[in-house]
Amino acid sequence: MQKAIRKPRRATWFVLVAVLAWMPQAARAGFETEDFRIRSAQDLVDLCAVATSDPLYASAIHFCHGFVSGAWQYHLSQANGPKGERLVCPPEPPPTRDEAIAMFVAWSATHADKLSEPAVDALFRFLVEKYPCPVAAAAKKGASK
């Protein structure tokens, strides 16, 4: 009996995917699928600020979280290396990922001149501005993860 239930779900999923693939971009209104290419900070902001009602919300927000997490992990790896230097010193406890992303999106609204930059540059401009390191701490390796 479960197999009979699963087949309609698969068919429904297939139809949903097909409809989304053919749906005009204008109907999506939240962002463009081109934003997934992350050509600039604006693309990242568009993905991170996507409306929960957007049909591609799950993909966009997961992409946003993955990009931000990857950039942060790279920073930590670099900072903890032999000649590491911290650029960002968040408080303890640090903000959650959702909180940090919401702050980045809010920051972007007042820093439109930075949105044509590479996404990682604008993201770290925000982080350095929000959580600057004291001079001594910046050179210190192994700060909070």
N, C-alpha and C. Protein backbone atom coordinates (compact mmCIF):
# COMPACT_ATOMS: atom_id res chain seq x y z
N MET A 1 0.81 -1.20 0.00
CA MET A 1 0.00 0.00 0.00
C MET A 1 0.86 1.26 0.00
N GLN A 2 1.98 1.25 0.66
CA GLN A 2 2.85 2.42 0.67
C GLN A 2 3.38 2.73 -0.72
N LYS A 3 3.63 1.71 -1.52
CA LYS A 3 4.11 1.95 -2.88
C LYS A 3 3.07 2.72 -3.68
N ALA A 4 1.81 2.42 -3.49
CA ALA A 4 0.75 3.13 -4.20
C ALA A 4 0.73 4.60 -3.78
N ILE A 5 1.04 4.88 -2.53
CA ILE A 5 1.07 6.26 -2.05
C ILE A 5 2.29 6.99 -2.59
N ARG A 6 3.40 6.32 -2.68
CA ARG A 6 4.63 6.94 -3.14
C ARG A 6 4.57 7.35 -4.61
N LYS A 7 3.95 6.57 -5.45
CA LYS A 7 3.91 6.89 -6.87
C LYS A 7 3.24 8.23 -7.14
N PRO A 8 2.08 8.52 -6.53
CA PRO A 8 1.51 9.84 -6.76
C PRO A 8 2.42 10.96 -6.24
N ARG A 9 3.13 10.72 -5.15
CA ARG A 9 4.04 11.75 -4.64
C ARG A 9 5.15 12.00 -5.64
N ARG A 10 5.70 10.96 -6.21
CA ARG A 10 6.75 11.14 -7.21
C ARG A 10 6.21 11.88 -8.42
N ALA A 11 5.02 11.52 -8.83
CA ALA A 11 4.41 12.18 -9.98
C ALA A 11 4.15 13.65 -9.65
N THR A 12 3.67 13.91 -8.46
CA THR A 12 3.42 15.29 -8.04
C THR A 12 4.73 16.07 -8.02
N TRP A 13 5.78 15.48 -7.48
CA TRP A 13 7.08 16.12 -7.42
C TRP A 13 7.58 16.42 -8.84
N PHE A 14 7.44 15.45 -9.73
CA PHE A 14 7.87 15.64 -11.11
C PHE A 14 7.12 16.80 -11.76
N VAL A 15 5.81 16.86 -11.57
CA VAL A 15 5.00 17.93 -12.15
C VAL A 15 5.42 19.28 -11.55
N LEU A 16 5.64 19.32 -10.26
CA LEU A 16 6.06 20.55 -9.60
C LEU A 16 7.38 21.05 -10.17
N VAL A 17 8.36 20.15 -10.31
CA VAL A 17 9.66 20.52 -10.87
C VAL A 17 9.49 21.01 -12.30
N ALA A 18 8.69 20.33 -13.08
CA ALA A 18 8.47 20.73 -14.47
C ALA A 18 7.83 22.12 -14.55
N VAL A 19 6.85 22.37 -13.70
CA VAL A 19 6.18 23.67 -13.70
C VAL A 19 7.17 24.77 -13.32
N LEU A 20 7.97 24.52 -12.30
CA LEU A 20 8.95 25.53 -11.88
C LEU A 20 9.98 25.79 -12.96
N ALA A 21 10.37 24.76 -13.68
CA ALA A 21 11.35 24.93 -14.74
C ALA A 21 10.82 25.79 -15.88
N TRP A 22 9.54 25.70 -16.13
CA TRP A 22 8.95 26.45 -17.24
C TRP A 22 8.34 27.77 -16.80
N MET A 23 8.23 27.97 -15.51
CA MET A 23 7.60 29.18 -14.99
C MET A 23 8.40 30.41 -15.40
N PRO A 24 7.76 31.43 -15.90
CA PRO A 24 8.50 32.64 -16.30
C PRO A 24 9.20 33.27 -15.10
N GLN A 25 10.36 33.83 -15.34
CA GLN A 25 11.13 34.46 -14.27
C GLN A 25 10.33 35.57 -13.59
N ALA A 26 9.55 36.31 -14.34
CA ALA A 26 8.80 37.41 -13.76
C ALA A 26 7.84 36.94 -12.68
N ALA A 27 7.34 35.74 -12.81
CA ALA A 27 6.39 35.23 -11.82
C ALA A 27 7.08 34.92 -10.50
N ARG A 28 8.38 34.68 -10.55
CA ARG A 28 9.11 34.38 -9.31
C ARG A 28 9.33 35.62 -8.48
N ALA A 29 9.63 36.72 -9.08
CA ALA A 29 9.75 38.03 -8.46
C ALA A 29 10.76 38.14 -7.33
N GLY A 30 11.08 37.09 -6.59
CA GLY A 30 11.99 37.20 -5.47
C GLY A 30 13.43 37.40 -5.89
N PHE A 31 13.87 36.68 -6.88
CA PHE A 31 15.23 36.78 -7.38
C PHE A 31 15.29 36.04 -8.70
N GLU A 32 16.42 36.10 -9.34
CA GLU A 32 16.60 35.42 -10.62
C GLU A 32 17.46 34.18 -10.40
N THR A 33 17.23 33.16 -11.16
CA THR A 33 18.06 31.95 -11.02
C THR A 33 19.51 32.24 -11.35
N GLU A 34 19.77 33.29 -12.11
CA GLU A 34 21.15 33.70 -12.40
C GLU A 34 21.90 34.07 -11.11
N ASP A 35 21.15 34.46 -10.06
CA ASP A 35 21.78 34.84 -8.79
C ASP A 35 22.59 33.68 -8.20
N PHE A 36 22.23 32.45 -8.56
CA PHE A 36 22.97 31.29 -8.06
C PHE A 36 24.42 31.27 -8.57
N ARG A 37 24.71 32.08 -9.56
CA ARG A 37 26.08 32.14 -10.08
C ARG A 37 26.98 32.98 -9.18
N ILE A 38 26.42 33.78 -8.31
CA ILE A 38 27.15 34.64 -7.37
C ILE A 38 28.23 35.45 -8.11
N ARG A 39 27.78 36.27 -9.01
CA ARG A 39 28.70 37.13 -9.76
C ARG A 39 29.06 38.38 -8.98
N SER A 40 28.28 38.68 -7.94
CA SER A 40 28.52 39.88 -7.13
C SER A 40 27.86 39.71 -5.77
N ALA A 41 28.14 40.67 -4.90
CA ALA A 41 27.51 40.66 -3.58
C ALA A 41 25.99 40.78 -3.70
N GLN A 42 25.52 41.50 -4.72
CA GLN A 42 24.07 41.63 -4.91
C GLN A 42 23.42 40.26 -5.11
N ASP A 43 24.07 39.39 -5.86
CA ASP A 43 23.52 38.05 -6.07
C ASP A 43 23.39 37.31 -4.74
N LEU A 44 24.43 37.42 -3.91
CA LEU A 44 24.38 36.74 -2.60
C LEU A 44 23.26 37.32 -1.74
N VAL A 45 23.14 38.63 -1.73
CA VAL A 45 22.07 39.27 -0.95
C VAL A 45 20.71 38.80 -1.45
N ASP A 46 20.54 38.74 -2.77
CA ASP A 46 19.26 38.29 -3.33
C ASP A 46 18.92 36.88 -2.86
N LEU A 47 19.90 35.99 -2.84
CA LEU A 47 19.65 34.62 -2.39
C LEU A 47 19.36 34.58 -0.89
N CYS A 48 20.11 35.35 -0.12
CA CYS A 48 19.95 35.33 1.34
C CYS A 48 18.67 36.01 1.80
N ALA A 49 18.13 36.90 0.97
CA ALA A 49 16.93 37.65 1.35
C ALA A 49 15.67 37.12 0.66
N VAL A 50 15.76 35.95 0.04
CA VAL A 50 14.63 35.41 -0.71
C VAL A 50 13.41 35.23 0.20
N ALA A 51 12.25 35.53 -0.34
CA ALA A 51 11.00 35.39 0.42
C ALA A 51 10.69 33.91 0.65
N THR A 52 10.19 33.60 1.82
CA THR A 52 9.84 32.21 2.13
C THR A 52 8.76 31.67 1.20
N SER A 53 8.02 32.56 0.58
CA SER A 53 6.97 32.14 -0.35
C SER A 53 7.51 31.83 -1.75
N ASP A 54 8.76 32.16 -2.01
CA ASP A 54 9.33 31.91 -3.34
C ASP A 54 9.46 30.41 -3.56
N PRO A 55 9.11 29.92 -4.74
CA PRO A 55 9.19 28.48 -5.02
C PRO A 55 10.61 27.91 -4.87
N LEU A 56 11.61 28.76 -5.02
CA LEU A 56 13.00 28.29 -4.89
C LEU A 56 13.62 28.69 -3.56
N TYR A 57 12.78 29.02 -2.58
CA TYR A 57 13.28 29.45 -1.27
C TYR A 57 14.28 28.46 -0.69
N ALA A 58 13.94 27.19 -0.62
CA ALA A 58 14.82 26.21 0.02
C ALA A 58 16.17 26.16 -0.67
N SER A 59 16.18 26.14 -1.97
CA SER A 59 17.45 26.11 -2.70
C SER A 59 18.25 27.39 -2.47
N ALA A 60 17.59 28.52 -2.52
CA ALA A 60 18.27 29.80 -2.37
C ALA A 60 18.85 29.97 -0.97
N ILE A 61 18.07 29.67 0.05
CA ILE A 61 18.55 29.89 1.41
C ILE A 61 19.64 28.88 1.77
N HIS A 62 19.54 27.67 1.27
CA HIS A 62 20.61 26.69 1.52
C HIS A 62 21.89 27.08 0.79
N PHE A 63 21.76 27.60 -0.41
CA PHE A 63 22.93 28.08 -1.15
C PHE A 63 23.57 29.23 -0.38
N CYS A 64 22.75 30.17 0.10
CA CYS A 64 23.24 31.30 0.89
C CYS A 64 24.00 30.80 2.11
N HIS A 65 23.39 29.91 2.87
CA HIS A 65 24.04 29.38 4.08
C HIS A 65 25.34 28.66 3.74
N GLY A 66 25.34 27.90 2.66
CA GLY A 66 26.55 27.19 2.26
C GLY A 66 27.66 28.14 1.88
N PHE A 67 27.33 29.18 1.13
CA PHE A 67 28.33 30.16 0.72
C PHE A 67 28.93 30.86 1.93
N VAL A 68 28.06 31.35 2.81
CA VAL A 68 28.52 32.08 4.00
C VAL A 68 29.33 31.15 4.91
N SER A 69 28.85 29.94 5.12
CA SER A 69 29.58 28.99 5.97
C SER A 69 30.95 28.65 5.38
N GLY A 70 31.00 28.45 4.08
CA GLY A 70 32.27 28.14 3.42
C GLY A 70 33.26 29.29 3.56
N ALA A 71 32.79 30.51 3.36
CA ALA A 71 33.67 31.68 3.50
C ALA A 71 34.18 31.79 4.93
N TRP A 72 33.30 31.56 5.90
CA TRP A 72 33.69 31.64 7.31
C TRP A 72 34.70 30.53 7.66
N GLN A 73 34.45 29.32 7.19
CA GLN A 73 35.38 28.21 7.47
C GLN A 73 36.76 28.48 6.87
N TYR A 74 36.77 29.07 5.67
CA TYR A 74 38.05 29.41 5.05
C TYR A 74 38.78 30.45 5.89
N HIS A 75 38.05 31.46 6.36
CA HIS A 75 38.65 32.48 7.23
C HIS A 75 39.26 31.83 8.47
N LEU A 76 38.52 30.94 9.11
CA LEU A 76 39.05 30.27 10.32
C LEU A 76 40.29 29.46 9.99
N SER A 77 40.27 28.76 8.88
CA SER A 77 41.43 27.96 8.49
C SER A 77 42.65 28.85 8.25
N GLN A 78 42.45 29.93 7.55
CA GLN A 78 43.52 30.89 7.29
C GLN A 78 44.02 31.50 8.59
N ALA A 79 43.10 31.87 9.47
CA ALA A 79 43.46 32.53 10.73
C ALA A 79 44.24 31.59 11.65
N ASN A 80 43.99 30.32 11.56
CA ASN A 80 44.65 29.36 12.44
C ASN A 80 45.92 28.76 11.82
N GLY A 81 46.29 29.23 10.63
CA GLY A 81 47.49 28.75 9.97
C GLY A 81 48.74 29.32 10.62
N PRO A 82 49.90 28.89 10.13
CA PRO A 82 51.17 29.31 10.73
C PRO A 82 51.36 30.83 10.78
N LYS A 83 50.88 31.53 9.79
CA LYS A 83 50.99 33.00 9.76
C LYS A 83 49.60 33.62 9.81
N GLY A 84 48.70 32.93 10.47
CA GLY A 84 47.30 33.34 10.49
C GLY A 84 47.06 34.67 11.15
N GLU A 85 46.06 35.34 10.63
CA GLU A 85 45.63 36.61 11.19
C GLU A 85 44.12 36.68 11.10
N ARG A 86 43.49 36.94 12.23
CA ARG A 86 42.04 37.04 12.26
C ARG A 86 41.61 38.39 11.72
N LEU A 87 40.61 38.37 10.86
CA LEU A 87 40.03 39.60 10.35
C LEU A 87 38.79 39.99 11.14
N VAL A 88 38.14 38.99 11.71
CA VAL A 88 36.85 39.17 12.37
C VAL A 88 36.91 38.53 13.75
N CYS A 89 36.39 39.25 14.75
CA CYS A 89 36.37 38.73 16.12
C CYS A 89 34.97 38.87 16.69
N PRO A 90 34.10 37.90 16.38
CA PRO A 90 32.73 37.98 16.90
C PRO A 90 32.70 37.78 18.41
N PRO A 91 31.63 38.21 19.04
CA PRO A 91 31.51 38.04 20.49
C PRO A 91 31.27 36.58 20.86
N GLU A 92 31.39 36.29 22.13
CA GLU A 92 31.04 34.96 22.65
C GLU A 92 29.77 35.11 23.46
N PRO A 93 28.74 34.39 23.20
CA PRO A 93 28.60 33.49 22.07
C PRO A 93 28.40 34.28 20.78
N PRO A 94 28.84 33.73 19.67
CA PRO A 94 28.66 34.44 18.40
C PRO A 94 27.20 34.40 17.96
N PRO A 95 26.84 35.26 17.02
CA PRO A 95 25.46 35.20 16.52
C PRO A 95 25.25 33.88 15.78
N THR A 96 24.01 33.48 15.68
CA THR A 96 23.70 32.28 14.90
C THR A 96 23.93 32.60 13.42
N ARG A 97 23.98 31.58 12.61
CA ARG A 97 24.14 31.79 11.17
C ARG A 97 22.99 32.63 10.63
N ASP A 98 21.76 32.31 11.03
CA ASP A 98 20.60 33.08 10.56
C ASP A 98 20.69 34.54 10.97
N GLU A 99 21.12 34.78 12.22
CA GLU A 99 21.26 36.17 12.70
C GLU A 99 22.33 36.91 11.91
N ALA A 100 23.46 36.27 11.68
CA ALA A 100 24.56 36.91 10.94
C ALA A 100 24.13 37.23 9.51
N ILE A 101 23.43 36.31 8.88
CA ILE A 101 22.97 36.54 7.50
C ILE A 101 21.95 37.67 7.47
N ALA A 102 21.03 37.70 8.42
CA ALA A 102 20.04 38.78 8.47
C ALA A 102 20.74 40.13 8.66
N MET A 103 21.78 40.17 9.48
CA MET A 103 22.53 41.41 9.68
C MET A 103 23.26 41.82 8.40
N PHE A 104 23.80 40.84 7.67
CA PHE A 104 24.48 41.13 6.40
C PHE A 104 23.49 41.71 5.40
N VAL A 105 22.32 41.12 5.31
CA VAL A 105 21.29 41.62 4.38
C VAL A 105 20.89 43.05 4.76
N ALA A 106 20.71 43.30 6.06
CA ALA A 106 20.37 44.66 6.51
C ALA A 106 21.50 45.64 6.21
N TRP A 107 22.74 45.22 6.44
CA TRP A 107 23.92 46.05 6.14
C TRP A 107 23.95 46.40 4.66
N SER A 108 23.62 45.44 3.81
CA SER A 108 23.69 45.66 2.37
C SER A 108 22.73 46.77 1.92
N ALA A 109 21.64 46.94 2.64
CA ALA A 109 20.66 47.97 2.27
C ALA A 109 21.25 49.38 2.44
N THR A 110 22.23 49.53 3.31
CA THR A 110 22.86 50.84 3.52
C THR A 110 24.25 50.93 2.89
N HIS A 111 24.64 49.90 2.18
CA HIS A 111 25.96 49.89 1.53
C HIS A 111 25.84 49.45 0.07
N ALA A 112 24.91 50.06 -0.64
CA ALA A 112 24.65 49.69 -2.03
C ALA A 112 25.90 49.81 -2.90
N ASP A 113 26.80 50.68 -2.53
CA ASP A 113 28.03 50.86 -3.31
C ASP A 113 28.95 49.65 -3.24
N LYS A 114 28.72 48.75 -2.30
CA LYS A 114 29.56 47.56 -2.14
C LYS A 114 28.97 46.34 -2.84
N LEU A 115 27.75 46.44 -3.36
CA LEU A 115 27.06 45.27 -3.89
C LEU A 115 27.54 44.82 -5.27
N SER A 116 28.35 45.63 -5.93
CA SER A 116 28.93 45.20 -7.20
C SER A 116 30.25 44.47 -6.98
N GLU A 117 30.75 44.46 -5.76
CA GLU A 117 31.99 43.77 -5.44
C GLU A 117 31.77 42.26 -5.42
N PRO A 118 32.87 41.50 -5.46
CA PRO A 118 32.71 40.05 -5.26
C PRO A 118 32.01 39.79 -3.92
N ALA A 119 31.17 38.79 -3.89
CA ALA A 119 30.35 38.52 -2.71
C ALA A 119 31.17 38.33 -1.45
N VAL A 120 32.25 37.59 -1.53
CA VAL A 120 33.05 37.33 -0.33
C VAL A 120 33.69 38.62 0.18
N ASP A 121 34.05 39.54 -0.72
CA ASP A 121 34.62 40.81 -0.28
C ASP A 121 33.61 41.62 0.51
N ALA A 122 32.40 41.74 -0.01
CA ALA A 122 31.36 42.50 0.69
C ALA A 122 30.99 41.82 2.01
N LEU A 123 30.91 40.50 2.00
CA LEU A 123 30.58 39.77 3.22
C LEU A 123 31.61 40.08 4.31
N PHE A 124 32.89 40.06 3.95
CA PHE A 124 33.91 40.33 4.97
C PHE A 124 34.04 41.80 5.29
N ARG A 125 33.67 42.69 4.38
CA ARG A 125 33.60 44.12 4.74
C ARG A 125 32.58 44.29 5.87
N PHE A 126 31.43 43.64 5.69
CA PHE A 126 30.40 43.68 6.73
C PHE A 126 30.92 43.11 8.05
N LEU A 127 31.51 41.91 7.99
CA LEU A 127 31.96 41.25 9.21
C LEU A 127 33.05 42.05 9.93
N VAL A 128 33.99 42.60 9.19
CA VAL A 128 35.07 43.39 9.78
C VAL A 128 34.50 44.66 10.41
N GLU A 129 33.52 45.26 9.75
CA GLU A 129 32.88 46.46 10.29
C GLU A 129 32.08 46.13 11.55
N LYS A 130 31.37 45.03 11.52
CA LYS A 130 30.51 44.64 12.64
C LYS A 130 31.30 44.09 13.82
N TYR A 131 32.32 43.28 13.54
CA TYR A 131 33.09 42.60 14.59
C TYR A 131 34.58 42.80 14.39
N PRO A 132 35.05 44.04 14.50
CA PRO A 132 36.49 44.27 14.30
C PRO A 132 37.30 43.61 15.42
N CYS A 133 38.50 43.22 15.07
CA CYS A 133 39.40 42.63 16.05
C CYS A 133 40.27 43.72 16.66
N PRO A 134 40.51 43.63 17.97
CA PRO A 134 41.53 44.52 18.54
C PRO A 134 42.86 44.20 17.86
N VAL A 135 43.75 45.14 17.77
CA VAL A 135 45.01 44.95 17.06
C VAL A 135 45.75 43.71 17.57
N ALA A 136 45.83 43.52 18.87
CA ALA A 136 46.54 42.36 19.42
C ALA A 136 45.83 41.06 19.07
N ALA A 137 44.51 41.05 19.09
CA ALA A 137 43.75 39.83 18.82
C ALA A 137 43.82 39.43 17.35
N ALA A 138 43.97 40.42 16.47
CA ALA A 138 44.02 40.12 15.04
C ALA A 138 45.22 39.24 14.69
N ALA A 139 46.31 39.46 15.38
CA ALA A 139 47.52 38.67 15.12
C ALA A 139 47.51 37.35 15.86
N LYS A 140 46.62 37.22 16.83
CA LYS A 140 46.55 36.01 17.65
C LYS A 140 45.89 34.87 16.89
N LYS A 141 46.51 33.72 16.91
CA LYS A 141 45.93 32.55 16.23
C LYS A 141 44.98 31.83 17.18
N GLY A 142 44.08 31.06 16.57
CA GLY A 142 43.24 30.15 17.33
C GLY A 142 42.13 30.80 18.13
N ALA A 143 41.70 31.98 17.74
CA ALA A 143 40.57 32.61 18.45
C ALA A 143 39.31 31.82 18.20
N SER A 144 38.19 32.26 18.74
CA SER A 144 36.94 31.49 18.72
C SER A 144 36.56 30.96 17.35
N LYS A 145 35.96 29.79 17.35
CA LYS A 145 35.55 29.14 16.10
C LYS A 145 34.05 29.18 15.97
